[in-house]
Amino acid sequence: MSRAKGNLAEDKAAAFLQHNNFCILARNFYTRFGEIDIIASKHNVLHFVEVKSGNNFEPIYAITPKKLERILKSAHIYLNTTQSKQNYCIDALLVRGDICELVENITF
């Protein structure tokens, strides 16, 4: 996927989250382990959101165990950097055209 398509999917994902009462705290949070697409908060829970899009395949399958490991390491860096003690979860936000689907807590 091109970077432009990725940015468009992330913009749709951020708009979807805001429409569903999430507060966007950060986008494209980079660490040495990789990037977290969106960090949001809702009901005092931090959501580390991986955005995946696709039309000819199921985007959730693009989140591999290795990718999850990198997201979790990056989330811990964010938590340590901000000294946050909030509960958190790792989520996937799937974008298929104009339809967004949030899959919460994909690590369990």
N, C-alpha and C. Protein backbone atom coordinates (compact mmCIF):
# COMPACT_ATOMS: atom_id res chain seq x y z
N MET A 1 0.85 -1.18 0.00
CA MET A 1 0.00 0.00 0.00
C MET A 1 0.90 1.24 0.00
N SER A 2 0.50 2.24 -0.73
CA SER A 2 1.28 3.46 -0.78
C SER A 2 1.09 4.27 0.50
N ARG A 3 2.05 5.14 0.75
CA ARG A 3 1.98 5.98 1.96
C ARG A 3 0.73 6.87 1.91
N ALA A 4 0.36 7.35 0.71
CA ALA A 4 -0.83 8.20 0.58
C ALA A 4 -2.09 7.43 0.97
N LYS A 5 -2.20 6.17 0.54
CA LYS A 5 -3.36 5.36 0.92
C LYS A 5 -3.36 5.08 2.42
N GLY A 6 -2.16 4.84 2.96
CA GLY A 6 -2.04 4.63 4.40
C GLY A 6 -2.47 5.85 5.19
N ASN A 7 -2.04 7.02 4.74
CA ASN A 7 -2.45 8.27 5.42
C ASN A 7 -3.95 8.48 5.34
N LEU A 8 -4.56 8.17 4.20
CA LEU A 8 -6.00 8.31 4.05
C LEU A 8 -6.72 7.36 5.01
N ALA A 9 -6.25 6.13 5.11
CA ALA A 9 -6.86 5.16 6.03
C ALA A 9 -6.72 5.64 7.47
N GLU A 10 -5.57 6.18 7.83
CA GLU A 10 -5.36 6.69 9.19
C GLU A 10 -6.25 7.90 9.48
N ASP A 11 -6.45 8.75 8.48
CA ASP A 11 -7.35 9.90 8.65
C ASP A 11 -8.79 9.42 8.88
N LYS A 12 -9.22 8.43 8.11
CA LYS A 12 -10.57 7.87 8.30
C LYS A 12 -10.69 7.22 9.68
N ALA A 13 -9.65 6.53 10.09
CA ALA A 13 -9.66 5.87 11.39
C ALA A 13 -9.74 6.89 12.53
N ALA A 14 -8.96 7.97 12.43
CA ALA A 14 -8.99 9.01 13.46
C ALA A 14 -10.37 9.66 13.52
N ALA A 15 -10.96 9.94 12.38
CA ALA A 15 -12.30 10.54 12.34
C ALA A 15 -13.32 9.59 12.96
N PHE A 16 -13.21 8.29 12.66
CA PHE A 16 -14.11 7.28 13.23
C PHE A 16 -13.99 7.27 14.76
N LEU A 17 -12.76 7.28 15.25
CA LEU A 17 -12.56 7.25 16.71
C LEU A 17 -13.15 8.50 17.36
N GLN A 18 -12.88 9.66 16.79
CA GLN A 18 -13.42 10.90 17.35
C GLN A 18 -14.94 10.88 17.34
N HIS A 19 -15.53 10.39 16.27
CA HIS A 19 -16.99 10.29 16.17
C HIS A 19 -17.56 9.37 17.25
N ASN A 20 -16.74 8.42 17.69
CA ASN A 20 -17.15 7.48 18.72
C ASN A 20 -16.59 7.84 20.10
N ASN A 21 -16.37 9.13 20.31
CA ASN A 21 -16.01 9.71 21.61
C ASN A 21 -14.65 9.31 22.15
N PHE A 22 -13.72 8.97 21.27
CA PHE A 22 -12.34 8.78 21.68
C PHE A 22 -11.63 10.13 21.58
N CYS A 23 -10.70 10.36 22.46
CA CYS A 23 -9.85 11.55 22.40
C CYS A 23 -8.51 11.12 21.80
N ILE A 24 -8.15 11.69 20.66
CA ILE A 24 -6.89 11.36 20.02
C ILE A 24 -5.76 12.07 20.77
N LEU A 25 -4.82 11.29 21.29
CA LEU A 25 -3.68 11.84 22.03
C LEU A 25 -2.44 12.00 21.17
N ALA A 26 -2.26 11.07 20.23
CA ALA A 26 -1.07 11.13 19.36
C ALA A 26 -1.34 10.31 18.11
N ARG A 27 -0.64 10.70 17.05
CA ARG A 27 -0.67 9.93 15.81
C ARG A 27 0.76 9.71 15.38
N ASN A 28 1.01 8.55 14.81
CA ASN A 28 2.32 8.19 14.30
C ASN A 28 3.42 8.36 15.36
N PHE A 29 3.22 7.68 16.48
CA PHE A 29 4.20 7.70 17.58
C PHE A 29 5.31 6.71 17.24
N TYR A 30 6.51 7.25 17.00
CA TYR A 30 7.64 6.43 16.56
C TYR A 30 8.55 6.06 17.72
N THR A 31 9.00 4.81 17.72
CA THR A 31 10.02 4.35 18.66
C THR A 31 11.03 3.53 17.85
N ARG A 32 12.04 3.04 18.50
CA ARG A 32 13.03 2.20 17.81
C ARG A 32 12.43 0.86 17.38
N PHE A 33 11.29 0.50 17.96
CA PHE A 33 10.64 -0.76 17.63
C PHE A 33 9.65 -0.63 16.48
N GLY A 34 9.21 0.58 16.21
CA GLY A 34 8.24 0.79 15.15
C GLY A 34 7.33 1.96 15.48
N GLU A 35 6.18 1.95 14.87
CA GLU A 35 5.24 3.07 14.97
C GLU A 35 3.90 2.59 15.50
N ILE A 36 3.30 3.42 16.34
CA ILE A 36 1.90 3.22 16.72
C ILE A 36 1.10 4.24 15.93
N ASP A 37 0.12 3.77 15.17
CA ASP A 37 -0.61 4.66 14.28
C ASP A 37 -1.39 5.72 15.04
N ILE A 38 -2.17 5.30 16.03
CA ILE A 38 -3.00 6.24 16.80
C ILE A 38 -2.98 5.84 18.27
N ILE A 39 -2.83 6.82 19.13
CA ILE A 39 -3.00 6.62 20.57
C ILE A 39 -4.19 7.46 20.98
N ALA A 40 -5.18 6.81 21.55
CA ALA A 40 -6.42 7.50 21.91
C ALA A 40 -6.82 7.10 23.33
N SER A 41 -7.76 7.86 23.87
CA SER A 41 -8.25 7.58 25.22
C SER A 41 -9.77 7.64 25.21
N LYS A 42 -10.36 6.74 25.99
CA LYS A 42 -11.81 6.73 26.18
C LYS A 42 -12.09 6.04 27.51
N HIS A 43 -12.93 6.66 28.32
CA HIS A 43 -13.29 6.12 29.63
C HIS A 43 -12.05 5.77 30.46
N ASN A 44 -11.05 6.64 30.42
CA ASN A 44 -9.82 6.50 31.20
C ASN A 44 -9.01 5.25 30.84
N VAL A 45 -9.15 4.79 29.60
CA VAL A 45 -8.36 3.67 29.09
C VAL A 45 -7.62 4.16 27.84
N LEU A 46 -6.31 3.89 27.79
CA LEU A 46 -5.53 4.22 26.60
C LEU A 46 -5.71 3.12 25.56
N HIS A 47 -5.88 3.53 24.33
CA HIS A 47 -6.02 2.60 23.22
C HIS A 47 -4.88 2.85 22.24
N PHE A 48 -4.03 1.85 22.08
CA PHE A 48 -2.96 1.89 21.09
C PHE A 48 -3.50 1.21 19.85
N VAL A 49 -3.73 1.99 18.80
CA VAL A 49 -4.51 1.53 17.66
C VAL A 49 -3.62 1.33 16.43
N GLU A 50 -3.67 0.11 15.91
CA GLU A 50 -3.01 -0.22 14.65
C GLU A 50 -4.07 -0.16 13.55
N VAL A 51 -3.83 0.68 12.55
CA VAL A 51 -4.77 0.86 11.45
C VAL A 51 -4.32 -0.01 10.28
N LYS A 52 -5.25 -0.81 9.78
CA LYS A 52 -4.98 -1.64 8.61
C LYS A 52 -6.13 -1.47 7.63
N SER A 53 -5.79 -1.40 6.35
CA SER A 53 -6.84 -1.25 5.34
C SER A 53 -6.59 -2.21 4.21
N GLY A 54 -7.66 -2.51 3.50
CA GLY A 54 -7.55 -3.38 2.35
C GLY A 54 -8.93 -3.69 1.81
N ASN A 55 -8.98 -3.96 0.53
CA ASN A 55 -10.25 -4.29 -0.11
C ASN A 55 -10.27 -5.71 -0.64
N ASN A 56 -9.10 -6.25 -1.00
CA ASN A 56 -9.05 -7.56 -1.62
C ASN A 56 -8.60 -8.66 -0.65
N PHE A 57 -8.49 -8.31 0.63
CA PHE A 57 -8.07 -9.27 1.65
C PHE A 57 -8.59 -8.79 2.99
N GLU A 58 -8.52 -9.64 3.98
CA GLU A 58 -8.96 -9.27 5.33
C GLU A 58 -7.79 -8.58 6.04
N PRO A 59 -7.90 -7.27 6.30
CA PRO A 59 -6.77 -6.51 6.84
C PRO A 59 -6.27 -6.98 8.21
N ILE A 60 -7.10 -7.61 9.00
CA ILE A 60 -6.65 -8.04 10.33
C ILE A 60 -5.48 -9.01 10.23
N TYR A 61 -5.42 -9.77 9.14
CA TYR A 61 -4.35 -10.75 8.98
C TYR A 61 -2.99 -10.12 8.70
N ALA A 62 -2.96 -8.83 8.44
CA ALA A 62 -1.70 -8.12 8.25
C ALA A 62 -1.03 -7.79 9.59
N ILE A 63 -1.73 -8.04 10.69
CA ILE A 63 -1.16 -7.81 12.02
C ILE A 63 -0.61 -9.14 12.51
N THR A 64 0.69 -9.29 12.37
CA THR A 64 1.36 -10.54 12.71
C THR A 64 1.76 -10.54 14.19
N PRO A 65 2.10 -11.71 14.73
CA PRO A 65 2.59 -11.74 16.11
C PRO A 65 3.81 -10.84 16.31
N LYS A 66 4.70 -10.78 15.33
CA LYS A 66 5.88 -9.90 15.43
C LYS A 66 5.44 -8.43 15.48
N LYS A 67 4.46 -8.06 14.66
CA LYS A 67 3.95 -6.69 14.67
C LYS A 67 3.33 -6.37 16.03
N LEU A 68 2.57 -7.30 16.59
CA LEU A 68 1.98 -7.09 17.91
C LEU A 68 3.05 -6.89 18.97
N GLU A 69 4.11 -7.67 18.88
CA GLU A 69 5.21 -7.54 19.83
C GLU A 69 5.83 -6.14 19.75
N ARG A 70 6.01 -5.64 18.54
CA ARG A 70 6.58 -4.29 18.35
C ARG A 70 5.64 -3.21 18.87
N ILE A 71 4.35 -3.37 18.64
CA ILE A 71 3.38 -2.40 19.14
C ILE A 71 3.40 -2.37 20.66
N LEU A 72 3.45 -3.54 21.27
CA LEU A 72 3.47 -3.62 22.73
C LEU A 72 4.72 -2.97 23.30
N LYS A 73 5.88 -3.22 22.70
CA LYS A 73 7.12 -2.58 23.15
C LYS A 73 7.02 -1.06 23.00
N SER A 74 6.46 -0.61 21.88
CA SER A 74 6.30 0.84 21.67
C SER A 74 5.30 1.43 22.66
N ALA A 75 4.25 0.68 22.97
CA ALA A 75 3.27 1.15 23.97
C ALA A 75 3.93 1.32 25.32
N HIS A 76 4.80 0.40 25.69
CA HIS A 76 5.50 0.51 26.98
C HIS A 76 6.41 1.74 27.00
N ILE A 77 7.02 2.05 25.88
CA ILE A 77 7.84 3.27 25.81
C ILE A 77 6.95 4.49 26.01
N TYR A 78 5.80 4.51 25.36
CA TYR A 78 4.87 5.64 25.53
C TYR A 78 4.46 5.77 26.99
N LEU A 79 4.10 4.66 27.61
CA LEU A 79 3.67 4.68 29.02
C LEU A 79 4.79 5.17 29.93
N ASN A 80 6.01 4.73 29.67
CA ASN A 80 7.14 5.19 30.49
C ASN A 80 7.47 6.65 30.24
N THR A 81 7.39 7.07 28.99
CA THR A 81 7.69 8.46 28.64
C THR A 81 6.69 9.42 29.27
N THR A 82 5.42 9.05 29.24
CA THR A 82 4.37 9.92 29.77
C THR A 82 4.10 9.65 31.26
N GLN A 83 4.74 8.61 31.80
CA GLN A 83 4.53 8.20 33.19
C GLN A 83 3.06 7.93 33.48
N SER A 84 2.38 7.38 32.48
CA SER A 84 0.97 7.09 32.60
C SER A 84 0.76 5.79 33.38
N LYS A 85 -0.23 5.81 34.24
CA LYS A 85 -0.62 4.62 35.01
C LYS A 85 -1.99 4.12 34.56
N GLN A 86 -2.49 4.63 33.44
CA GLN A 86 -3.81 4.25 32.95
C GLN A 86 -3.81 2.81 32.46
N ASN A 87 -4.97 2.18 32.53
CA ASN A 87 -5.15 0.90 31.87
C ASN A 87 -5.04 1.13 30.37
N TYR A 88 -4.65 0.09 29.65
CA TYR A 88 -4.50 0.25 28.21
C TYR A 88 -4.84 -1.05 27.50
N CYS A 89 -5.04 -0.93 26.20
CA CYS A 89 -5.24 -2.11 25.36
C CYS A 89 -4.70 -1.81 23.96
N ILE A 90 -4.43 -2.88 23.23
CA ILE A 90 -3.99 -2.78 21.85
C ILE A 90 -5.19 -3.11 20.97
N ASP A 91 -5.52 -2.21 20.07
CA ASP A 91 -6.69 -2.37 19.20
C ASP A 91 -6.27 -2.37 17.73
N ALA A 92 -7.12 -2.92 16.91
CA ALA A 92 -6.97 -2.83 15.45
C ALA A 92 -8.17 -2.05 14.93
N LEU A 93 -7.91 -1.14 14.03
CA LEU A 93 -9.00 -0.44 13.36
C LEU A 93 -8.87 -0.79 11.88
N LEU A 94 -9.86 -1.51 11.39
CA LEU A 94 -9.85 -2.01 10.02
C LEU A 94 -10.64 -1.06 9.13
N VAL A 95 -10.03 -0.65 8.05
CA VAL A 95 -10.67 0.29 7.12
C VAL A 95 -10.84 -0.44 5.79
N ARG A 96 -12.09 -0.57 5.40
CA ARG A 96 -12.44 -1.19 4.11
C ARG A 96 -13.28 -0.18 3.35
N GLY A 97 -12.65 0.57 2.46
CA GLY A 97 -13.36 1.63 1.75
C GLY A 97 -13.78 2.70 2.74
N ASP A 98 -15.09 2.94 2.85
CA ASP A 98 -15.60 3.94 3.79
C ASP A 98 -16.09 3.32 5.09
N ILE A 99 -15.88 2.02 5.26
CA ILE A 99 -16.35 1.34 6.46
C ILE A 99 -15.18 1.10 7.41
N CYS A 100 -15.36 1.49 8.66
CA CYS A 100 -14.35 1.29 9.70
C CYS A 100 -14.90 0.33 10.74
N GLU A 101 -14.04 -0.56 11.21
CA GLU A 101 -14.42 -1.51 12.25
C GLU A 101 -13.32 -1.54 13.30
N LEU A 102 -13.68 -1.27 14.54
CA LEU A 102 -12.74 -1.30 15.64
C LEU A 102 -12.78 -2.68 16.31
N VAL A 103 -11.63 -3.32 16.41
CA VAL A 103 -11.49 -4.59 17.10
C VAL A 103 -10.63 -4.29 18.32
N GLU A 104 -11.26 -4.29 19.50
CA GLU A 104 -10.56 -3.92 20.71
C GLU A 104 -9.83 -5.10 21.33
N ASN A 105 -8.71 -4.78 21.97
CA ASN A 105 -7.96 -5.72 22.79
C ASN A 105 -7.55 -6.96 22.00
N ILE A 106 -6.78 -6.76 20.95
CA ILE A 106 -6.42 -7.87 20.06
C ILE A 106 -5.32 -8.76 20.62
N THR A 107 -4.79 -8.44 21.78
CA THR A 107 -3.71 -9.25 22.34
C THR A 107 -4.24 -10.43 23.14
N PHE A 108 -5.54 -10.51 23.36
CA PHE A 108 -6.09 -11.62 24.14
C PHE A 108 -6.93 -12.52 23.27
